[in-house]
Each structure stands twice: as structure tokens, then as C-alpha cells.
Amino acid sequence: MFIETPQPTGRILSSREVYTGPIFSVVKQTIDTPDGLRVTRDLIRHAQAVALLAITPDDRVLVNREYRVGVNREAFALPAGLINAGEDVLTAAARELTEETGFVPGALTEMCAVHSSEGMTDELVHLVLARIDPAETTAKHFDQDEFVQSALVPLDEVVAAVKAGQITSAQSVSALGYYLAFVRH
């Protein structure tokens, strides 16, 4: 079978941190790959994160609009955030949902985890399905450097926004695709 576990790993010959920031660091590595190549790569080390497909009983999805430096504009995406030290995935998901949107999660289910771009970063994003009641809200608690606007959008409109290229966040597209393929029947 072509897809098997475990996959062979490379042998890291050298590793040197060249940048350290508040969310990620960059490491320059020389590696002997499993297929016999010797390569030099920059690796972005990134904390694990969560992204939430928060959905109401009538199939409305919670969508955020927030400025994102990577595209230098406001972008539409599902609620997401970093997992704090010592937190498990579902605890982080509940905290992020409440902090960013003020919605209180009901049932939380981890769907899967995705690497955002394994060719350059070790970031792993855990995709979580959150059942929410639109009437159950609390105060938002934004981080000092963030401002997020949230809205409940019909699922069909969210799917259309992905198809139209209006929602391009990898974790958002992945969470929605996983939900439609494996959860919603």
C-alpha cells in the first residue's frame, strides 16, 4: 500500500535557530532525506493551533472577519487560535471560541488535524466541530492586538464563499470539507 505508517524520516545533520518571535521561530537545517538527498531548508517552528467549525442547529456557521498580515487585508475564516501551554485541544477550542466570538460551545468534537504547509512549517492545526446555540453568549476577550468581527452565515453561503475564493484559509476550507465529507449526512 502506497500510503503507510510510519513514514521514513530524514537525518538532521545540523539545525540552527536564525529567528525567534512571539509565535514562531525559524530554524535553518541540513538534512539527509530518506531518498538519499542532502538538502538545506528553513523550517518555521510554530505552536499547535485549533480551528473551529462552529455550527448552529439550523446550519449557520460562525465566520470571522479579521485583519491578517499574510494577505495584508481583512480575511474571512473560521474562529481559530493557538493552543496554550498545558491545554488540550478541546479546552483550547472552547477558550478560543469564547474569547474571539463570545459564543459558548456546546458539544465539541475533534474532527482531524492538518499541517498548514508541511514543506516549510511544523504547524499542526486541530479542526474541531463545535455545536453552538445562538442564544448562549458571553463577553468577548480579544488579545491586545486583535479585533474580530463575527457573524452566523448559512452553511450554503459559506460553501459558496469557498468556491468563489472569498474564504481561502487552509484550515477553514479543510474543516468545512471534512465536515461535509465525513460528518454531515
C-alpha atoms as a PDB file:
ATOM      1  CA  MET A   1       0.000   0.000   0.000  1.00  0.00           C
ATOM      2  CA  PHE A   2       1.398   3.397  -1.016  1.00  0.00           C
ATOM      3  CA  ILE A   3       0.008   5.252   2.000  1.00  0.00           C
ATOM      4  CA  GLU A   4       1.534   3.620   5.040  1.00  0.00           C
ATOM      5  CA  THR A   5       2.644   4.460   8.562  1.00  0.00           C
ATOM      6  CA  PRO A   6       5.269   5.074   9.757  1.00  0.00           C
ATOM      7  CA  GLN A   7       6.979   7.043   7.023  1.00  0.00           C
ATOM      8  CA  PRO A   8      10.792   7.135   6.955  1.00  0.00           C
ATOM      9  CA  THR A   9      12.298  10.251   8.499  1.00  0.00           C
ATOM     10  CA  GLY A  10      15.284  12.326   7.484  1.00  0.00           C
ATOM     11  CA  ARG A  11      18.507  12.567   9.436  1.00  0.00           C
ATOM     12  CA  ILE A  12      19.056  16.132  10.668  1.00  0.00           C
ATOM     13  CA  LEU A  13      22.766  16.908  10.335  1.00  0.00           C
ATOM     14  CA  SER A  14      22.631  20.485  11.615  1.00  0.00           C
ATOM     15  CA  SER A  15      19.990  22.815  12.992  1.00  0.00           C
ATOM     16  CA  ARG A  16      20.477  26.490  13.828  1.00  0.00           C
ATOM     17  CA  GLU A  17      17.805  28.929  15.002  1.00  0.00           C
ATOM     18  CA  VAL A  18      18.011  32.119  12.908  1.00  0.00           C
ATOM     19  CA  TYR A  19      14.914  33.946  14.183  1.00  0.00           C
ATOM     20  CA  THR A  20      12.766  33.833  17.296  1.00  0.00           C
ATOM     21  CA  GLY A  21       9.459  35.670  17.590  1.00  0.00           C
ATOM     22  CA  PRO A  22       6.413  35.581  19.840  1.00  0.00           C
ATOM     23  CA  ILE A  23       4.509  32.972  17.781  1.00  0.00           C
ATOM     24  CA  PHE A  24       7.107  31.178  15.687  1.00  0.00           C
ATOM     25  CA  SER A  25      10.814  30.694  15.155  1.00  0.00           C
ATOM     26  CA  VAL A  26      12.850  29.917  12.045  1.00  0.00           C
ATOM     27  CA  VAL A  27      15.450  27.156  12.016  1.00  0.00           C
ATOM     28  CA  LYS A  28      17.972  26.511   9.219  1.00  0.00           C
ATOM     29  CA  GLN A  29      18.578  22.787   8.860  1.00  0.00           C
ATOM     30  CA  THR A  30      20.774  20.499   6.776  1.00  0.00           C
ATOM     31  CA  ILE A  31      19.109  17.118   6.330  1.00  0.00           C
ATOM     32  CA  ASP A  32      19.834  13.780   4.691  1.00  0.00           C
ATOM     33  CA  THR A  33      16.398  12.850   3.316  1.00  0.00           C
ATOM     34  CA  PRO A  34      15.071   9.266   3.246  1.00  0.00           C
ATOM     35  CA  ASP A  35      15.534   9.185  -0.538  1.00  0.00           C
ATOM     36  CA  GLY A  36      19.255   9.971  -0.322  1.00  0.00           C
ATOM     37  CA  LEU A  37      19.348  13.723  -0.932  1.00  0.00           C
ATOM     38  CA  ARG A  38      21.206  16.212   1.237  1.00  0.00           C
ATOM     39  CA  VAL A  39      19.173  19.422   1.499  1.00  0.00           C
ATOM     40  CA  THR A  40      19.263  22.725   3.359  1.00  0.00           C
ATOM     41  CA  ARG A  41      15.868  24.023   4.426  1.00  0.00           C
ATOM     42  CA  ASP A  42      14.361  26.784   6.530  1.00  0.00           C
ATOM     43  CA  LEU A  43      11.760  25.431   8.955  1.00  0.00           C
ATOM     44  CA  ILE A  44       9.175  27.617  10.638  1.00  0.00           C
ATOM     45  CA  ARG A  45       8.527  26.146  14.072  1.00  0.00           C
ATOM     46  CA  HIS A  46       5.018  27.070  15.111  1.00  0.00           C
ATOM     47  CA  ALA A  47       2.863  26.299  18.121  1.00  0.00           C
ATOM     48  CA  GLN A  48      -0.092  23.989  17.569  1.00  0.00           C
ATOM     49  CA  ALA A  49      -3.450  25.617  16.980  1.00  0.00           C
ATOM     50  CA  VAL A  50      -7.172  24.942  16.775  1.00  0.00           C
ATOM     51  CA  ALA A  51      -9.763  25.997  14.206  1.00  0.00           C
ATOM     52  CA  LEU A  52     -13.463  25.609  14.850  1.00  0.00           C
ATOM     53  CA  LEU A  53     -16.374  24.858  12.600  1.00  0.00           C
ATOM     54  CA  ALA A  54     -18.980  26.283  14.970  1.00  0.00           C
ATOM     55  CA  ILE A  55     -22.448  25.472  13.701  1.00  0.00           C
ATOM     56  CA  THR A  56     -25.980  26.093  14.938  1.00  0.00           C
ATOM     57  CA  PRO A  57     -28.843  23.575  14.866  1.00  0.00           C
ATOM     58  CA  ASP A  58     -30.253  25.362  11.773  1.00  0.00           C
ATOM     59  CA  ASP A  59     -26.935  25.038   9.853  1.00  0.00           C
ATOM     60  CA  ARG A  60     -25.497  28.510  10.306  1.00  0.00           C
ATOM     61  CA  VAL A  61     -21.709  28.679  10.556  1.00  0.00           C
ATOM     62  CA  LEU A  62     -19.775  31.154  12.662  1.00  0.00           C
ATOM     63  CA  VAL A  63     -17.427  33.104  10.358  1.00  0.00           C
ATOM     64  CA  ASN A  64     -14.865  35.669  11.483  1.00  0.00           C
ATOM     65  CA  ARG A  65     -13.553  38.712   9.636  1.00  0.00           C
ATOM     66  CA  GLU A  66     -10.156  39.867  10.856  1.00  0.00           C
ATOM     67  CA  TYR A  67      -7.087  41.687   9.519  1.00  0.00           C
ATOM     68  CA  ARG A  68      -4.377  39.184   8.519  1.00  0.00           C
ATOM     69  CA  VAL A  69      -0.820  40.299   7.832  1.00  0.00           C
ATOM     70  CA  GLY A  70      -0.093  37.422   5.406  1.00  0.00           C
ATOM     71  CA  VAL A  71      -2.573  38.861   2.905  1.00  0.00           C
ATOM     72  CA  ASN A  72      -2.476  42.462   4.231  1.00  0.00           C
ATOM     73  CA  ARG A  73      -6.248  42.746   4.405  1.00  0.00           C
ATOM     74  CA  GLU A  74      -9.234  41.571   6.326  1.00  0.00           C
ATOM     75  CA  ALA A  75      -9.915  37.911   5.645  1.00  0.00           C
ATOM     76  CA  PHE A  76     -12.847  35.607   6.305  1.00  0.00           C
ATOM     77  CA  ALA A  77     -12.114  32.436   8.266  1.00  0.00           C
ATOM     78  CA  LEU A  78     -13.445  30.147  10.935  1.00  0.00           C
ATOM     79  CA  PRO A  79     -12.539  31.017  14.539  1.00  0.00           C
ATOM     80  CA  ALA A  80      -9.027  29.819  15.347  1.00  0.00           C
ATOM     81  CA  GLY A  81      -6.145  30.337  17.707  1.00  0.00           C
ATOM     82  CA  LEU A  82      -3.089  28.931  19.393  1.00  0.00           C
ATOM     83  CA  ILE A  83      -3.176  26.165  21.964  1.00  0.00           C
ATOM     84  CA  ASN A  84      -1.687  27.491  25.204  1.00  0.00           C
ATOM     85  CA  ALA A  85       0.943  25.520  27.107  1.00  0.00           C
ATOM     86  CA  GLY A  86      -0.727  22.804  29.153  1.00  0.00           C
ATOM     87  CA  GLU A  87      -4.044  22.991  27.286  1.00  0.00           C
ATOM     88  CA  ASP A  88      -5.602  20.071  25.486  1.00  0.00           C
ATOM     89  CA  VAL A  89      -7.251  20.557  22.094  1.00  0.00           C
ATOM     90  CA  LEU A  90     -10.865  20.800  23.262  1.00  0.00           C
ATOM     91  CA  THR A  91     -10.048  23.167  26.147  1.00  0.00           C
ATOM     92  CA  ALA A  92      -8.194  25.457  23.739  1.00  0.00           C
ATOM     93  CA  ALA A  93     -11.083  25.267  21.260  1.00  0.00           C
ATOM     94  CA  ALA A  94     -13.634  26.269  23.904  1.00  0.00           C
ATOM     95  CA  ARG A  95     -11.441  29.136  25.107  1.00  0.00           C
ATOM     96  CA  GLU A  96     -10.723  30.470  21.618  1.00  0.00           C
ATOM     97  CA  LEU A  97     -14.383  30.324  20.581  1.00  0.00           C
ATOM     98  CA  THR A  98     -15.488  32.250  23.646  1.00  0.00           C
ATOM     99  CA  GLU A  99     -12.623  34.770  23.570  1.00  0.00           C
ATOM    100  CA  GLU A 100     -12.969  35.651  19.876  1.00  0.00           C
ATOM    101  CA  THR A 101     -16.710  35.428  19.362  1.00  0.00           C
ATOM    102  CA  GLY A 102     -18.497  35.373  22.709  1.00  0.00           C
ATOM    103  CA  PHE A 103     -20.289  32.144  21.762  1.00  0.00           C
ATOM    104  CA  VAL A 104     -20.368  29.391  24.364  1.00  0.00           C
ATOM    105  CA  PRO A 105     -19.657  25.966  22.879  1.00  0.00           C
ATOM    106  CA  GLY A 106     -21.965  23.036  23.459  1.00  0.00           C
ATOM    107  CA  ALA A 107     -20.633  19.685  22.249  1.00  0.00           C
ATOM    108  CA  LEU A 108     -17.065  19.793  20.939  1.00  0.00           C
ATOM    109  CA  THR A 109     -15.644  17.046  18.709  1.00  0.00           C
ATOM    110  CA  GLU A 110     -12.158  16.914  17.224  1.00  0.00           C
ATOM    111  CA  MET A 111     -12.540  16.087  13.521  1.00  0.00           C
ATOM    112  CA  CYS A 112      -8.895  15.783  12.399  1.00  0.00           C
ATOM    113  CA  ALA A 113      -5.638  17.721  12.342  1.00  0.00           C
ATOM    114  CA  VAL A 114      -3.917  19.295   9.343  1.00  0.00           C
ATOM    115  CA  HIS A 115      -0.437  20.576   8.618  1.00  0.00           C
ATOM    116  CA  SER A 116      -0.858  24.017   7.101  1.00  0.00           C
ATOM    117  CA  SER A 117       2.171  23.697   4.793  1.00  0.00           C
ATOM    118  CA  GLU A 118       4.471  20.811   5.713  1.00  0.00           C
ATOM    119  CA  GLY A 119       7.054  21.914   3.154  1.00  0.00           C
ATOM    120  CA  MET A 120       8.053  24.853   5.363  1.00  0.00           C
ATOM    121  CA  THR A 121       6.408  24.651   8.801  1.00  0.00           C
ATOM    122  CA  ASP A 122       5.624  22.130  11.518  1.00  0.00           C
ATOM    123  CA  GLU A 123       2.371  23.937  12.380  1.00  0.00           C
ATOM    124  CA  LEU A 124      -0.406  21.453  13.202  1.00  0.00           C
ATOM    125  CA  VAL A 125      -3.980  22.769  13.351  1.00  0.00           C
ATOM    126  CA  HIS A 126      -6.605  20.663  15.098  1.00  0.00           C
ATOM    127  CA  LEU A 127     -10.009  21.024  13.433  1.00  0.00           C
ATOM    128  CA  VAL A 128     -12.867  20.964  15.913  1.00  0.00           C
ATOM    129  CA  LEU A 129     -16.614  20.796  15.358  1.00  0.00           C
ATOM    130  CA  ALA A 130     -18.467  22.964  17.861  1.00  0.00           C
ATOM    131  CA  ARG A 131     -22.223  22.857  18.271  1.00  0.00           C
ATOM    132  CA  ILE A 132     -23.453  26.269  19.363  1.00  0.00           C
ATOM    133  CA  ASP A 133     -26.749  27.805  20.433  1.00  0.00           C
ATOM    134  CA  PRO A 134     -27.011  31.384  19.087  1.00  0.00           C
ATOM    135  CA  ALA A 135     -28.725  32.431  22.337  1.00  0.00           C
ATOM    136  CA  GLU A 136     -25.820  31.294  24.538  1.00  0.00           C
ATOM    137  CA  THR A 137     -23.201  34.042  24.511  1.00  0.00           C
ATOM    138  CA  THR A 138     -20.830  35.717  26.908  1.00  0.00           C
ATOM    139  CA  ALA A 139     -18.345  38.601  26.822  1.00  0.00           C
ATOM    140  CA  LYS A 140     -15.555  38.535  24.245  1.00  0.00           C
ATOM    141  CA  HIS A 141     -11.938  38.789  25.420  1.00  0.00           C
ATOM    142  CA  PHE A 142      -9.753  39.810  22.494  1.00  0.00           C
ATOM    143  CA  ASP A 143      -5.989  39.586  22.684  1.00  0.00           C
ATOM    144  CA  GLN A 144      -4.360  43.037  22.935  1.00  0.00           C
ATOM    145  CA  ASP A 145      -3.509  43.079  19.215  1.00  0.00           C
ATOM    146  CA  GLU A 146      -6.678  41.634  17.687  1.00  0.00           C
ATOM    147  CA  PHE A 147     -10.156  42.729  16.737  1.00  0.00           C
ATOM    148  CA  VAL A 148     -12.532  40.181  15.274  1.00  0.00           C
ATOM    149  CA  GLN A 149     -15.984  40.631  13.794  1.00  0.00           C
ATOM    150  CA  SER A 150     -18.170  37.506  13.741  1.00  0.00           C
ATOM    151  CA  ALA A 151     -21.403  36.548  12.015  1.00  0.00           C
ATOM    152  CA  LEU A 152     -23.562  33.460  11.686  1.00  0.00           C
ATOM    153  CA  VAL A 153     -23.706  32.641   7.975  1.00  0.00           C
ATOM    154  CA  PRO A 154     -25.866  29.938   6.358  1.00  0.00           C
ATOM    155  CA  LEU A 155     -23.787  26.858   5.538  1.00  0.00           C
ATOM    156  CA  ASP A 156     -24.673  27.079   1.830  1.00  0.00           C
ATOM    157  CA  GLU A 157     -23.319  30.650   1.710  1.00  0.00           C
ATOM    158  CA  VAL A 158     -20.069  29.553   3.395  1.00  0.00           C
ATOM    159  CA  VAL A 159     -19.653  26.766   0.821  1.00  0.00           C
ATOM    160  CA  ALA A 160     -20.319  29.296  -1.962  1.00  0.00           C
ATOM    161  CA  ALA A 161     -17.731  31.670  -0.457  1.00  0.00           C
ATOM    162  CA  VAL A 162     -15.115  28.895  -0.506  1.00  0.00           C
ATOM    163  CA  LYS A 163     -15.962  28.064  -4.131  1.00  0.00           C
ATOM    164  CA  ALA A 164     -15.757  31.763  -5.063  1.00  0.00           C
ATOM    165  CA  GLY A 165     -12.357  32.215  -3.395  1.00  0.00           C
ATOM    166  CA  GLN A 166     -13.686  34.541  -0.696  1.00  0.00           C
ATOM    167  CA  ILE A 167     -12.657  32.134   2.073  1.00  0.00           C
ATOM    168  CA  THR A 168      -9.117  30.880   1.414  1.00  0.00           C
ATOM    169  CA  SER A 169      -7.878  29.975   4.890  1.00  0.00           C
ATOM    170  CA  ALA A 170      -6.480  26.429   4.604  1.00  0.00           C
ATOM    171  CA  GLN A 171      -7.814  25.361   7.978  1.00  0.00           C
ATOM    172  CA  SER A 172     -11.251  26.807   7.235  1.00  0.00           C
ATOM    173  CA  VAL A 173     -11.504  25.061   3.862  1.00  0.00           C
ATOM    174  CA  SER A 174     -10.216  21.830   5.430  1.00  0.00           C
ATOM    175  CA  ALA A 175     -12.655  21.920   8.352  1.00  0.00           C
ATOM    176  CA  LEU A 176     -15.594  22.620   6.074  1.00  0.00           C
ATOM    177  CA  GLY A 177     -14.544  19.904   3.632  1.00  0.00           C
ATOM    178  CA  TYR A 178     -14.056  17.341   6.406  1.00  0.00           C
ATOM    179  CA  TYR A 179     -17.459  18.189   7.866  1.00  0.00           C
ATOM    180  CA  LEU A 180     -19.238  17.889   4.515  1.00  0.00           C
ATOM    181  CA  ALA A 181     -17.412  14.660   3.557  1.00  0.00           C
ATOM    182  CA  PHE A 182     -17.443  12.739   6.825  1.00  0.00           C
ATOM    183  CA  VAL A 183     -19.781  14.281   9.434  1.00  0.00           C
ATOM    184  CA  ARG A 184     -22.858  15.752   7.779  1.00  0.00           C
ATOM    185  CA  HIS A 185     -25.093  13.200   6.142  1.00  0.00           C
END
